[in-house]
C-alpha atoms as a PDB file:
ATOM      1  CA  UNK A   1      -0.027  -0.040  -0.045  1.00  0.00           C
ATOM      2  CA  UNK A   2       2.665   2.475   0.937  1.00  0.00           C
ATOM      3  CA  UNK A   3       4.698   1.603  -2.123  1.00  0.00           C
ATOM      4  CA  UNK A   4       1.661   2.256  -4.283  1.00  0.00           C
ATOM      5  CA  UNK A   5       1.276   5.735  -2.622  1.00  0.00           C
ATOM      6  CA  UNK A   6       4.865   6.507  -3.326  1.00  0.00           C
ATOM      7  CA  UNK A   7       4.577   5.354  -6.965  1.00  0.00           C
ATOM      8  CA  UNK A   8       1.432   7.375  -7.501  1.00  0.00           C
ATOM      9  CA  UNK A   9       3.103  10.481  -6.114  1.00  0.00           C
ATOM     10  CA  UNK A  10       6.079  10.051  -8.469  1.00  0.00           C
ATOM     11  CA  UNK A  11       3.755   9.618 -11.466  1.00  0.00           C
ATOM     12  CA  UNK A  12       1.784  12.639 -10.452  1.00  0.00           C
ATOM     13  CA  UNK A  13       5.037  14.630 -10.155  1.00  0.00           C
ATOM     14  CA  UNK A  14       6.305  13.689 -13.651  1.00  0.00           C
ATOM     15  CA  UNK A  15       2.897  14.335 -15.241  1.00  0.00           C
ATOM     16  CA  UNK A  16       2.829  17.773 -13.503  1.00  0.00           C
ATOM     17  CA  UNK A  17       6.449  18.583 -14.517  1.00  0.00           C
ATOM     18  CA  UNK A  18       5.732  17.586 -18.165  1.00  0.00           C
ATOM     19  CA  UNK A  19       2.430  19.578 -18.287  1.00  0.00           C
ATOM     20  CA  UNK A  20       3.942  22.802 -17.104  1.00  0.00           C
ATOM     21  CA  UNK A  21       7.442  22.474 -18.262  1.00  0.00           C
ATOM     22  CA  UNK A  22       7.435  25.636 -20.337  1.00  0.00           C
ATOM     23  CA  UNK A  23       6.456  27.974 -17.553  1.00  0.00           C
ATOM     24  CA  UNK A  24       8.426  26.545 -14.658  1.00  0.00           C
ATOM     25  CA  UNK A  25      10.870  28.152 -12.251  1.00  0.00           C
ATOM     26  CA  UNK A  26      13.599  25.937 -10.790  1.00  0.00           C
ATOM     27  CA  UNK A  27      15.822  26.219  -7.872  1.00  0.00           C
ATOM     28  CA  UNK A  28      17.812  24.719  -4.925  1.00  0.00           C
ATOM     29  CA  UNK A  29      17.392  25.146  -1.227  1.00  0.00           C
ATOM     30  CA  UNK A  30      19.586  24.291   1.845  1.00  0.00           C
ATOM     31  CA  UNK A  31      18.759  24.612   5.420  1.00  0.00           C
ATOM     32  CA  UNK A  32      18.573  23.278   9.022  1.00  0.00           C
ATOM     33  CA  UNK A  33      16.182  20.670  10.248  1.00  0.00           C
ATOM     34  CA  UNK A  34      15.199  20.249  13.931  1.00  0.00           C
ATOM     35  CA  UNK A  35      13.544  16.853  14.184  1.00  0.00           C
ATOM     36  CA  UNK A  36      12.313  14.252  16.640  1.00  0.00           C
ATOM     37  CA  UNK A  37      10.532  10.977  16.798  1.00  0.00           C
ATOM     38  CA  UNK A  38       7.183  11.408  18.709  1.00  0.00           C
ATOM     39  CA  UNK A  39       6.520   8.111  20.685  1.00  0.00           C
ATOM     40  CA  UNK A  40       5.452   6.911  23.994  1.00  0.00           C
ATOM     41  CA  UNK A  41       7.892   3.954  23.630  1.00  0.00           C
ATOM     42  CA  UNK A  42      11.067   6.165  23.692  1.00  0.00           C
ATOM     43  CA  UNK A  43      12.631   6.648  27.085  1.00  0.00           C
ATOM     44  CA  UNK A  44      12.653  10.195  28.364  1.00  0.00           C
ATOM     45  CA  UNK A  45      16.526  10.346  28.303  1.00  0.00           C
ATOM     46  CA  UNK A  46      16.542   9.822  24.508  1.00  0.00           C
ATOM     47  CA  UNK A  47      13.800  12.349  23.617  1.00  0.00           C
ATOM     48  CA  UNK A  48      16.182  15.187  22.573  1.00  0.00           C
ATOM     49  CA  UNK A  49      15.650  16.591  19.172  1.00  0.00           C
ATOM     50  CA  UNK A  50      18.256  16.185  16.443  1.00  0.00           C
ATOM     51  CA  UNK A  51      19.719  19.060  14.452  1.00  0.00           C
ATOM     52  CA  UNK A  52      20.307  18.108  10.869  1.00  0.00           C
ATOM     53  CA  UNK A  53      20.496  19.399   7.361  1.00  0.00           C
ATOM     54  CA  UNK A  54      18.123  19.509   4.487  1.00  0.00           C
ATOM     55  CA  UNK A  55      19.210  20.051   0.836  1.00  0.00           C
ATOM     56  CA  UNK A  56      17.015  19.822  -2.175  1.00  0.00           C
ATOM     57  CA  UNK A  57      15.893  20.907  -5.634  1.00  0.00           C
ATOM     58  CA  UNK A  58      12.553  22.418  -6.489  1.00  0.00           C
ATOM     59  CA  UNK A  59      10.354  23.453  -9.423  1.00  0.00           C
ATOM     60  CA  UNK A  60       7.468  25.767  -9.251  1.00  0.00           C
ATOM     61  CA  UNK A  61       4.737  25.918 -11.847  1.00  0.00           C
ATOM     62  CA  UNK A  62       1.786  28.397 -11.976  1.00  0.00           C
ATOM     63  CA  UNK A  63      -1.740  26.948 -11.895  1.00  0.00           C
ATOM     64  CA  UNK A  64      -4.206  29.766 -11.871  1.00  0.00           C
ATOM     65  CA  UNK A  65      -4.079  33.206 -10.374  1.00  0.00           C
ATOM     66  CA  UNK A  66      -1.969  33.146  -7.210  1.00  0.00           C
ATOM     67  CA  UNK A  67      -1.883  29.429  -6.978  1.00  0.00           C
ATOM     68  CA  UNK A  68       1.082  27.278  -8.016  1.00  0.00           C
ATOM     69  CA  UNK A  69       2.330  23.740  -7.513  1.00  0.00           C
ATOM     70  CA  UNK A  70       5.803  23.202  -6.089  1.00  0.00           C
ATOM     71  CA  UNK A  71       7.379  19.638  -6.201  1.00  0.00           C
ATOM     72  CA  UNK A  72      10.643  19.035  -4.582  1.00  0.00           C
ATOM     73  CA  UNK A  73      13.280  16.412  -4.179  1.00  0.00           C
ATOM     74  CA  UNK A  74      15.362  16.525  -1.053  1.00  0.00           C
ATOM     75  CA  UNK A  75      17.710  14.976   1.416  1.00  0.00           C
ATOM     76  CA  UNK A  76      16.783  15.378   5.151  1.00  0.00           C
ATOM     77  CA  UNK A  77      18.580  14.155   8.215  1.00  0.00           C
ATOM     78  CA  UNK A  78      15.987  13.387  11.014  1.00  0.00           C
ATOM     79  CA  UNK A  79      15.240  11.503  14.067  1.00  0.00           C
ATOM     80  CA  UNK A  80      16.428  12.165  17.621  1.00  0.00           C
ATOM     81  CA  UNK A  81      19.717  13.223  19.030  1.00  0.00           C
ATOM     82  CA  UNK A  82      20.664   9.749  20.317  1.00  0.00           C
ATOM     83  CA  UNK A  83      22.604   7.862  17.646  1.00  0.00           C
ATOM     84  CA  UNK A  84      20.347   4.960  17.898  1.00  0.00           C
ATOM     85  CA  UNK A  85      17.375   7.027  16.794  1.00  0.00           C
ATOM     86  CA  UNK A  86      18.894   8.753  13.718  1.00  0.00           C
ATOM     87  CA  UNK A  87      17.420   8.363  10.226  1.00  0.00           C
ATOM     88  CA  UNK A  88      18.197  10.014   6.859  1.00  0.00           C
ATOM     89  CA  UNK A  89      15.584  10.278   4.084  1.00  0.00           C
ATOM     90  CA  UNK A  90      15.164  11.169   0.477  1.00  0.00           C
ATOM     91  CA  UNK A  91      11.972  13.020   0.459  1.00  0.00           C
ATOM     92  CA  UNK A  92       9.460  14.057  -2.205  1.00  0.00           C
ATOM     93  CA  UNK A  93       7.102  16.900  -0.972  1.00  0.00           C
ATOM     94  CA  UNK A  94       4.541  18.285  -3.347  1.00  0.00           C
ATOM     95  CA  UNK A  95       3.148  21.657  -2.228  1.00  0.00           C
ATOM     96  CA  UNK A  96       0.128  23.594  -3.320  1.00  0.00           C
ATOM     97  CA  UNK A  97       1.413  27.135  -2.886  1.00  0.00           C
ATOM     98  CA  UNK A  98      -0.623  30.364  -2.484  1.00  0.00           C
ATOM     99  CA  UNK A  99       1.227  33.624  -3.167  1.00  0.00           C
ATOM    100  CA  UNK A 100      -0.347  36.413  -1.143  1.00  0.00           C
ATOM    101  CA  UNK A 101       1.974  38.793  -2.911  1.00  0.00           C
ATOM    102  CA  UNK A 102       5.267  38.753  -4.710  1.00  0.00           C
ATOM    103  CA  UNK A 103       6.838  38.732  -1.233  1.00  0.00           C
ATOM    104  CA  UNK A 104       5.006  36.289   1.040  1.00  0.00           C
ATOM    105  CA  UNK A 105       3.478  32.814   0.349  1.00  0.00           C
ATOM    106  CA  UNK A 106       2.086  29.837   2.166  1.00  0.00           C
ATOM    107  CA  UNK A 107       2.401  26.193   1.118  1.00  0.00           C
ATOM    108  CA  UNK A 108       0.839  22.890   2.168  1.00  0.00           C
ATOM    109  CA  UNK A 109       1.125  19.273   0.888  1.00  0.00           C
ATOM    110  CA  UNK A 110       2.062  15.698   1.302  1.00  0.00           C
ATOM    111  CA  UNK A 111       5.565  14.431   1.606  1.00  0.00           C
ATOM    112  CA  UNK A 112       6.798  10.914   0.918  1.00  0.00           C
ATOM    113  CA  UNK A 113      10.118   9.843   2.293  1.00  0.00           C
ATOM    114  CA  UNK A 114      12.359   6.808   1.653  1.00  0.00           C
ATOM    115  CA  UNK A 115      14.802   5.812   4.355  1.00  0.00           C
ATOM    116  CA  UNK A 116      18.383   5.822   3.066  1.00  0.00           C
ATOM    117  CA  UNK A 117      20.277   5.384   6.288  1.00  0.00           C
ATOM    118  CA  UNK A 118      19.695   4.542   9.895  1.00  0.00           C
ATOM    119  CA  UNK A 119      22.114   4.115  12.796  1.00  0.00           C
ATOM    120  CA  UNK A 120      23.126   0.485  13.235  1.00  0.00           C
ATOM    121  CA  UNK A 121      25.051  -0.915  16.178  1.00  0.00           C
ATOM    122  CA  UNK A 122      25.078  -4.749  16.053  1.00  0.00           C
ATOM    123  CA  UNK A 123      26.122  -4.863  19.812  1.00  0.00           C
ATOM    124  CA  UNK A 124      22.942  -3.467  21.251  1.00  0.00           C
ATOM    125  CA  UNK A 125      19.146  -3.837  20.875  1.00  0.00           C
ATOM    126  CA  UNK A 126      17.799  -0.810  19.107  1.00  0.00           C
ATOM    127  CA  UNK A 127      14.873   0.460  17.096  1.00  0.00           C
ATOM    128  CA  UNK A 128      14.641  -0.483  13.405  1.00  0.00           C
ATOM    129  CA  UNK A 129      12.722   1.905  11.187  1.00  0.00           C
ATOM    130  CA  UNK A 130      10.349   1.275   8.317  1.00  0.00           C
ATOM    131  CA  UNK A 131      11.461   2.120   4.792  1.00  0.00           C
ATOM    132  CA  UNK A 132       8.808   4.682   4.022  1.00  0.00           C
ATOM    133  CA  UNK A 133       7.707   7.769   5.973  1.00  0.00           C
ATOM    134  CA  UNK A 134       4.628   9.919   4.994  1.00  0.00           C
ATOM    135  CA  UNK A 135       4.017  13.310   6.362  1.00  0.00           C
ATOM    136  CA  UNK A 136       2.009  16.515   5.925  1.00  0.00           C
ATOM    137  CA  UNK A 137       3.991  19.646   5.674  1.00  0.00           C
ATOM    138  CA  UNK A 138       2.905  23.336   5.952  1.00  0.00           C
ATOM    139  CA  UNK A 139       5.014  26.404   5.624  1.00  0.00           C
ATOM    140  CA  UNK A 140       5.495  30.135   4.968  1.00  0.00           C
ATOM    141  CA  UNK A 141       7.888  31.552   2.495  1.00  0.00           C
ATOM    142  CA  UNK A 142       9.436  34.958   1.966  1.00  0.00           C
ATOM    143  CA  UNK A 143      10.925  36.100  -1.318  1.00  0.00           C
ATOM    144  CA  UNK A 144      14.021  38.179  -0.306  1.00  0.00           C
ATOM    145  CA  UNK A 145      14.993  39.190  -3.913  1.00  0.00           C
ATOM    146  CA  UNK A 146      13.715  37.945  -7.295  1.00  0.00           C
ATOM    147  CA  UNK A 147      15.839  34.953  -7.042  1.00  0.00           C
ATOM    148  CA  UNK A 148      16.582  34.512  -3.210  1.00  0.00           C
ATOM    149  CA  UNK A 149      13.948  33.091  -0.928  1.00  0.00           C
ATOM    150  CA  UNK A 150      13.556  31.781   2.790  1.00  0.00           C
ATOM    151  CA  UNK A 151      10.992  29.402   4.066  1.00  0.00           C
ATOM    152  CA  UNK A 152       9.963  27.976   7.477  1.00  0.00           C
ATOM    153  CA  UNK A 153       8.074  24.640   7.491  1.00  0.00           C
ATOM    154  CA  UNK A 154       6.544  22.243   9.943  1.00  0.00           C
ATOM    155  CA  UNK A 155       6.290  18.566   9.064  1.00  0.00           C
ATOM    156  CA  UNK A 156       3.967  16.246  10.887  1.00  0.00           C
ATOM    157  CA  UNK A 157       4.479  12.444  10.325  1.00  0.00           C
ATOM    158  CA  UNK A 158       1.300  10.451   9.654  1.00  0.00           C
ATOM    159  CA  UNK A 159       2.893   7.022   9.317  1.00  0.00           C
ATOM    160  CA  UNK A 160       4.486   4.712  11.912  1.00  0.00           C
ATOM    161  CA  UNK A 161       8.198   4.742  11.255  1.00  0.00           C
ATOM    162  CA  UNK A 162       9.115   2.036  13.930  1.00  0.00           C
ATOM    163  CA  UNK A 163       9.475  -1.449  12.524  1.00  0.00           C
ATOM    164  CA  UNK A 164       7.274  -3.570  14.679  1.00  0.00           C
ATOM    165  CA  UNK A 165       9.166  -6.781  14.009  1.00  0.00           C
ATOM    166  CA  UNK A 166      11.765  -6.157  16.620  1.00  0.00           C
ATOM    167  CA  UNK A 167       9.851  -3.979  19.088  1.00  0.00           C
ATOM    168  CA  UNK A 168       6.304  -5.339  19.527  1.00  0.00           C
ATOM    169  CA  UNK A 169       3.444  -2.727  19.613  1.00  0.00           C
ATOM    170  CA  UNK A 170       5.809   0.263  19.264  1.00  0.00           C
ATOM    171  CA  UNK A 171       4.733   3.232  17.315  1.00  0.00           C
ATOM    172  CA  UNK A 172       6.436   6.469  16.377  1.00  0.00           C
ATOM    173  CA  UNK A 173       5.993   9.411  14.050  1.00  0.00           C
ATOM    174  CA  UNK A 174       8.373  12.174  12.841  1.00  0.00           C
ATOM    175  CA  UNK A 175       8.060  15.805  13.640  1.00  0.00           C
ATOM    176  CA  UNK A 176      10.346  18.522  12.327  1.00  0.00           C
ATOM    177  CA  UNK A 177      10.782  22.275  11.836  1.00  0.00           C
ATOM    178  CA  UNK A 178      12.852  23.379   8.836  1.00  0.00           C
ATOM    179  CA  UNK A 179      14.362  26.787   8.157  1.00  0.00           C
ATOM    180  CA  UNK A 180      15.893  26.966   4.659  1.00  0.00           C
ATOM    181  CA  UNK A 181      17.232  29.422   2.107  1.00  0.00           C
ATOM    182  CA  UNK A 182      17.169  29.008  -1.514  1.00  0.00           C
ATOM    183  CA  UNK A 183      17.955  30.323  -4.982  1.00  0.00           C
ATOM    184  CA  UNK A 184      15.557  30.280  -7.939  1.00  0.00           C
ATOM    185  CA  UNK A 185      17.134  30.017 -11.460  1.00  0.00           C
END
């Protein structure tokens, strides 16, 4: 089921990119990511948030009026500060963006993530994480100049990221705040 959702998202992205390829604006973004795993099963001494990095590419295509669609492809380091609870993802957010003016916008959309790395220590029992992570992300953006921009986002995980095969009945979701800066070409 989760793989089907990911594939549908990728197909939707490519159809959208192809449909609006003539009018698109492209760019890169880099920033900081303060994240944590929200779970009742994580001991209190391991709950500290992790500061990580987010780096990605974006495309923005006008839809109608002040609306646009903004698919992205990004790397994001997430999890908690403790090494055993660190996870890195390749993520595909697809935002519906509303431009209040040429200066300020808000954006909202789903985000699919694929785990590309997790901390592994063969000498201790630790959490294993599921391959896929699905989130809802909302943000506000500011255009500093015609090409430079900044955005602040909050991501709320909606899928369980803890693999139940090693820890019975454990559940956890991701939470993160991102502050990033970018450049549109």
